[in-house]
Amino acid sequence: MIDGPYYVLTVLGVLGTGLTAGVFCAFSTFVMRGLAALPPAQGVAAMRTVNTAAVRPAFMLVFLGSTLLCAVLTVVTFVLWPTEGAVELLAGGALFLVGSFGVTAVANVPRNDALARLEPGSGEAAAYWPRYVREWTRWNHVRTVASAGAALAYVLALTG
């Protein structure tokens, strides 16, 4: 069984990836549906406000802290290769680093940046909004599943 500081890091990994999964799940299951139901100008304005509010210490500490923690756990696992839980720890790290952080960087943030450049009431924003919601939410589903999978992998590492 994993013990000592490695145990604490893994428990923190469960918490961080699980919290992140919960945030992403909320967006996938009801926040984006609610925003999509608004007229485009209102939806665009609301999502731009949400995107600005997300880049605050509370969420960034959880998200970036989990990313750093997963990277540390992955490197430590490669170096120490514990007799129990190594595969689960590596799977958890890969799921979060690629499926959550990586997808955020290459799929969700570029869409957020494109949305931020549009004037909410413009015709361009109204035309882009349905595509944004569809594509952003699709990639958010990936982040949700990857983050939840990482949390599960870390739990399995602790119980193995």
C-alpha atoms as a PDB file:
ATOM      1  CA  MET A   1       0.000   0.000   0.000  1.00  0.00           C
ATOM      2  CA  ILE A   2       1.107   3.548  -0.715  1.00  0.00           C
ATOM      3  CA  ASP A   3       2.195   5.331   2.458  1.00  0.00           C
ATOM      4  CA  GLY A   4       3.877   8.429   3.854  1.00  0.00           C
ATOM      5  CA  PRO A   5       4.118  11.608   1.794  1.00  0.00           C
ATOM      6  CA  TYR A   6       3.297   9.638  -1.344  1.00  0.00           C
ATOM      7  CA  TYR A   7      -0.032   8.672   0.236  1.00  0.00           C
ATOM      8  CA  VAL A   8      -0.802  12.296   1.084  1.00  0.00           C
ATOM      9  CA  LEU A   9       0.029  13.415  -2.470  1.00  0.00           C
ATOM     10  CA  THR A  10      -2.239  10.720  -3.880  1.00  0.00           C
ATOM     11  CA  VAL A  11      -5.119  11.686  -1.575  1.00  0.00           C
ATOM     12  CA  LEU A  12      -4.663  15.306  -2.650  1.00  0.00           C
ATOM     13  CA  GLY A  13      -4.670  14.061  -6.253  1.00  0.00           C
ATOM     14  CA  VAL A  14      -8.037  12.383  -5.658  1.00  0.00           C
ATOM     15  CA  LEU A  15      -9.440  15.575  -4.165  1.00  0.00           C
ATOM     16  CA  GLY A  16      -8.084  17.935  -6.814  1.00  0.00           C
ATOM     17  CA  THR A  17      -9.018  15.848  -9.829  1.00  0.00           C
ATOM     18  CA  GLY A  18     -12.410  15.047  -8.295  1.00  0.00           C
ATOM     19  CA  LEU A  19     -13.177  18.706  -7.606  1.00  0.00           C
ATOM     20  CA  THR A  20     -12.150  19.613 -11.132  1.00  0.00           C
ATOM     21  CA  ALA A  21     -14.348  16.843 -12.522  1.00  0.00           C
ATOM     22  CA  GLY A  22     -17.257  18.254 -10.524  1.00  0.00           C
ATOM     23  CA  VAL A  23     -16.807  21.750 -11.919  1.00  0.00           C
ATOM     24  CA  PHE A  24     -16.553  20.452 -15.469  1.00  0.00           C
ATOM     25  CA  CYS A  25     -19.535  18.147 -14.936  1.00  0.00           C
ATOM     26  CA  ALA A  26     -21.663  21.072 -13.754  1.00  0.00           C
ATOM     27  CA  PHE A  27     -20.832  22.959 -16.933  1.00  0.00           C
ATOM     28  CA  SER A  28     -21.544  19.960 -19.158  1.00  0.00           C
ATOM     29  CA  THR A  29     -24.830  19.010 -17.531  1.00  0.00           C
ATOM     30  CA  PHE A  30     -26.585  22.304 -16.858  1.00  0.00           C
ATOM     31  CA  VAL A  31     -24.555  25.525 -17.081  1.00  0.00           C
ATOM     32  CA  MET A  32     -23.937  25.345 -20.824  1.00  0.00           C
ATOM     33  CA  ARG A  33     -27.528  24.229 -21.472  1.00  0.00           C
ATOM     34  CA  GLY A  34     -28.760  27.241 -19.547  1.00  0.00           C
ATOM     35  CA  LEU A  35     -26.465  29.607 -21.405  1.00  0.00           C
ATOM     36  CA  ALA A  36     -27.393  28.063 -24.761  1.00  0.00           C
ATOM     37  CA  ALA A  37     -31.074  28.750 -24.039  1.00  0.00           C
ATOM     38  CA  LEU A  38     -30.393  32.484 -23.817  1.00  0.00           C
ATOM     39  CA  PRO A  39     -30.522  34.757 -26.849  1.00  0.00           C
ATOM     40  CA  PRO A  40     -27.030  34.768 -28.419  1.00  0.00           C
ATOM     41  CA  ALA A  41     -26.081  38.261 -27.224  1.00  0.00           C
ATOM     42  CA  GLN A  42     -26.936  37.359 -23.636  1.00  0.00           C
ATOM     43  CA  GLY A  43     -25.303  33.933 -23.856  1.00  0.00           C
ATOM     44  CA  VAL A  44     -22.091  35.380 -25.266  1.00  0.00           C
ATOM     45  CA  ALA A  45     -21.993  38.121 -22.629  1.00  0.00           C
ATOM     46  CA  ALA A  46     -22.672  35.652 -19.812  1.00  0.00           C
ATOM     47  CA  MET A  47     -20.042  33.156 -20.991  1.00  0.00           C
ATOM     48  CA  ARG A  48     -17.458  35.901 -21.362  1.00  0.00           C
ATOM     49  CA  THR A  49     -18.173  36.903 -17.758  1.00  0.00           C
ATOM     50  CA  VAL A  50     -17.919  33.282 -16.608  1.00  0.00           C
ATOM     51  CA  ASN A  51     -14.597  32.868 -18.428  1.00  0.00           C
ATOM     52  CA  THR A  52     -13.226  35.958 -16.708  1.00  0.00           C
ATOM     53  CA  ALA A  53     -14.473  34.812 -13.309  1.00  0.00           C
ATOM     54  CA  ALA A  54     -12.948  31.334 -13.779  1.00  0.00           C
ATOM     55  CA  VAL A  55      -9.435  32.743 -13.943  1.00  0.00           C
ATOM     56  CA  ARG A  56      -9.420  33.613 -10.256  1.00  0.00           C
ATOM     57  CA  PRO A  57      -7.404  32.092  -7.404  1.00  0.00           C
ATOM     58  CA  ALA A  58     -10.094  29.711  -6.114  1.00  0.00           C
ATOM     59  CA  PHE A  59     -10.543  27.705  -9.318  1.00  0.00           C
ATOM     60  CA  MET A  60      -7.009  28.202 -10.608  1.00  0.00           C
ATOM     61  CA  LEU A  61      -5.569  26.844  -7.351  1.00  0.00           C
ATOM     62  CA  VAL A  62      -7.638  23.676  -7.741  1.00  0.00           C
ATOM     63  CA  PHE A  63      -7.068  23.276 -11.484  1.00  0.00           C
ATOM     64  CA  LEU A  64      -3.418  24.289 -11.803  1.00  0.00           C
ATOM     65  CA  GLY A  65      -2.572  22.824  -8.403  1.00  0.00           C
ATOM     66  CA  SER A  66      -4.043  19.500  -9.537  1.00  0.00           C
ATOM     67  CA  THR A  67      -2.102  19.726 -12.776  1.00  0.00           C
ATOM     68  CA  LEU A  68       1.146  20.277 -10.889  1.00  0.00           C
ATOM     69  CA  LEU A  69       0.292  17.544  -8.403  1.00  0.00           C
ATOM     70  CA  CYS A  70      -0.477  15.064 -11.197  1.00  0.00           C
ATOM     71  CA  ALA A  71       2.823  15.913 -12.873  1.00  0.00           C
ATOM     72  CA  VAL A  72       4.697  15.371  -9.593  1.00  0.00           C
ATOM     73  CA  LEU A  73       2.900  12.082  -8.927  1.00  0.00           C
ATOM     74  CA  THR A  74       3.686  10.893 -12.454  1.00  0.00           C
ATOM     75  CA  VAL A  75       7.385  11.756 -12.210  1.00  0.00           C
ATOM     76  CA  VAL A  76       7.715  10.286  -8.706  1.00  0.00           C
ATOM     77  CA  THR A  77       5.967   7.116  -9.875  1.00  0.00           C
ATOM     78  CA  PHE A  78       8.382   6.758 -12.788  1.00  0.00           C
ATOM     79  CA  VAL A  79      11.367   7.312 -10.498  1.00  0.00           C
ATOM     80  CA  LEU A  80      10.276   5.155  -7.532  1.00  0.00           C
ATOM     81  CA  TRP A  81       8.025   2.679  -9.379  1.00  0.00           C
ATOM     82  CA  PRO A  82       6.146   1.488  -6.300  1.00  0.00           C
ATOM     83  CA  THR A  83       5.241  -2.188  -6.104  1.00  0.00           C
ATOM     84  CA  GLU A  84       1.563  -1.290  -5.793  1.00  0.00           C
ATOM     85  CA  GLY A  85      -0.460   1.303  -7.656  1.00  0.00           C
ATOM     86  CA  ALA A  86       2.123   2.333 -10.263  1.00  0.00           C
ATOM     87  CA  VAL A  87      -0.133   1.657 -13.257  1.00  0.00           C
ATOM     88  CA  GLU A  88      -3.074   3.426 -11.630  1.00  0.00           C
ATOM     89  CA  LEU A  89      -0.941   6.425 -10.676  1.00  0.00           C
ATOM     90  CA  LEU A  90       0.424   6.735 -14.197  1.00  0.00           C
ATOM     91  CA  ALA A  91      -3.048   6.350 -15.680  1.00  0.00           C
ATOM     92  CA  GLY A  92      -4.406   9.039 -13.358  1.00  0.00           C
ATOM     93  CA  GLY A  93      -1.612  11.404 -14.275  1.00  0.00           C
ATOM     94  CA  ALA A  94      -2.003  10.800 -18.005  1.00  0.00           C
ATOM     95  CA  LEU A  95      -5.769  11.212 -17.877  1.00  0.00           C
ATOM     96  CA  PHE A  96      -5.587  14.527 -16.065  1.00  0.00           C
ATOM     97  CA  LEU A  97      -2.528  15.986 -17.767  1.00  0.00           C
ATOM     98  CA  VAL A  98      -3.699  15.130 -21.286  1.00  0.00           C
ATOM     99  CA  GLY A  99      -7.476  14.884 -20.986  1.00  0.00           C
ATOM    100  CA  SER A 100      -8.065  17.778 -18.614  1.00  0.00           C
ATOM    101  CA  PHE A 101      -5.165  20.236 -18.738  1.00  0.00           C
ATOM    102  CA  GLY A 102      -4.177  19.443 -22.331  1.00  0.00           C
ATOM    103  CA  VAL A 103      -7.723  19.638 -23.678  1.00  0.00           C
ATOM    104  CA  THR A 104      -8.249  22.892 -21.792  1.00  0.00           C
ATOM    105  CA  ALA A 105      -5.163  24.388 -23.420  1.00  0.00           C
ATOM    106  CA  VAL A 106      -5.784  23.222 -26.987  1.00  0.00           C
ATOM    107  CA  ALA A 107      -9.583  23.143 -27.220  1.00  0.00           C
ATOM    108  CA  ASN A 108     -11.466  25.168 -24.599  1.00  0.00           C
ATOM    109  CA  VAL A 109      -9.185  28.173 -24.059  1.00  0.00           C
ATOM    110  CA  PRO A 110      -8.818  28.955 -27.800  1.00  0.00           C
ATOM    111  CA  ARG A 111     -12.614  28.953 -28.106  1.00  0.00           C
ATOM    112  CA  ASN A 112     -12.867  31.208 -25.060  1.00  0.00           C
ATOM    113  CA  ASP A 113     -10.310  33.561 -26.605  1.00  0.00           C
ATOM    114  CA  ALA A 114     -12.242  33.660 -29.875  1.00  0.00           C
ATOM    115  CA  LEU A 115     -15.460  34.413 -27.980  1.00  0.00           C
ATOM    116  CA  ALA A 116     -13.736  37.194 -26.009  1.00  0.00           C
ATOM    117  CA  ARG A 117     -12.831  38.963 -29.254  1.00  0.00           C
ATOM    118  CA  LEU A 118     -16.482  39.211 -30.316  1.00  0.00           C
ATOM    119  CA  GLU A 119     -18.907  41.947 -29.396  1.00  0.00           C
ATOM    120  CA  PRO A 120     -21.851  40.171 -27.704  1.00  0.00           C
ATOM    121  CA  GLY A 121     -24.548  41.895 -29.770  1.00  0.00           C
ATOM    122  CA  SER A 122     -22.808  41.546 -33.136  1.00  0.00           C
ATOM    123  CA  GLY A 123     -23.961  39.356 -35.982  1.00  0.00           C
ATOM    124  CA  GLU A 124     -20.599  37.582 -35.885  1.00  0.00           C
ATOM    125  CA  ALA A 125     -21.147  36.662 -32.226  1.00  0.00           C
ATOM    126  CA  ALA A 126     -24.694  35.461 -32.938  1.00  0.00           C
ATOM    127  CA  ALA A 127     -23.405  33.261 -35.764  1.00  0.00           C
ATOM    128  CA  TYR A 128     -20.499  31.867 -33.704  1.00  0.00           C
ATOM    129  CA  TRP A 129     -22.463  31.238 -30.486  1.00  0.00           C
ATOM    130  CA  PRO A 130     -24.216  27.950 -31.443  1.00  0.00           C
ATOM    131  CA  ARG A 131     -20.954  26.476 -32.755  1.00  0.00           C
ATOM    132  CA  TYR A 132     -19.078  27.669 -29.677  1.00  0.00           C
ATOM    133  CA  VAL A 133     -21.597  26.041 -27.315  1.00  0.00           C
ATOM    134  CA  ARG A 134     -21.577  22.763 -29.248  1.00  0.00           C
ATOM    135  CA  GLU A 135     -17.787  22.475 -29.627  1.00  0.00           C
ATOM    136  CA  TRP A 136     -16.854  23.881 -26.208  1.00  0.00           C
ATOM    137  CA  THR A 137     -19.307  21.548 -24.480  1.00  0.00           C
ATOM    138  CA  ARG A 138     -18.111  18.523 -26.457  1.00  0.00           C
ATOM    139  CA  TRP A 139     -14.535  19.161 -25.326  1.00  0.00           C
ATOM    140  CA  ASN A 140     -15.759  19.870 -21.808  1.00  0.00           C
ATOM    141  CA  HIS A 141     -17.313  16.390 -21.733  1.00  0.00           C
ATOM    142  CA  VAL A 142     -13.828  15.031 -22.478  1.00  0.00           C
ATOM    143  CA  ARG A 143     -12.367  17.071 -19.618  1.00  0.00           C
ATOM    144  CA  THR A 144     -15.104  15.842 -17.281  1.00  0.00           C
ATOM    145  CA  VAL A 145     -14.548  12.176 -18.063  1.00  0.00           C
ATOM    146  CA  ALA A 146     -10.749  12.516 -17.969  1.00  0.00           C
ATOM    147  CA  SER A 147     -10.786  14.307 -14.601  1.00  0.00           C
ATOM    148  CA  ALA A 148     -13.205  11.789 -13.090  1.00  0.00           C
ATOM    149  CA  GLY A 149     -11.136   8.952 -14.527  1.00  0.00           C
ATOM    150  CA  ALA A 150      -8.011  10.428 -12.953  1.00  0.00           C
ATOM    151  CA  ALA A 151      -9.723  10.637  -9.563  1.00  0.00           C
ATOM    152  CA  LEU A 152     -10.859   7.019  -9.894  1.00  0.00           C
ATOM    153  CA  ALA A 153      -7.382   5.870 -10.912  1.00  0.00           C
ATOM    154  CA  TYR A 154      -5.878   7.577  -7.856  1.00  0.00           C
ATOM    155  CA  VAL A 155      -8.496   5.960  -5.586  1.00  0.00           C
ATOM    156  CA  LEU A 156      -7.639   2.584  -7.098  1.00  0.00           C
ATOM    157  CA  ALA A 157      -3.951   3.262  -6.468  1.00  0.00           C
ATOM    158  CA  LEU A 158      -4.717   3.928  -2.810  1.00  0.00           C
ATOM    159  CA  THR A 159      -6.783   0.788  -2.396  1.00  0.00           C
ATOM    160  CA  GLY A 160      -4.533  -1.540  -4.397  1.00  0.00           C
END
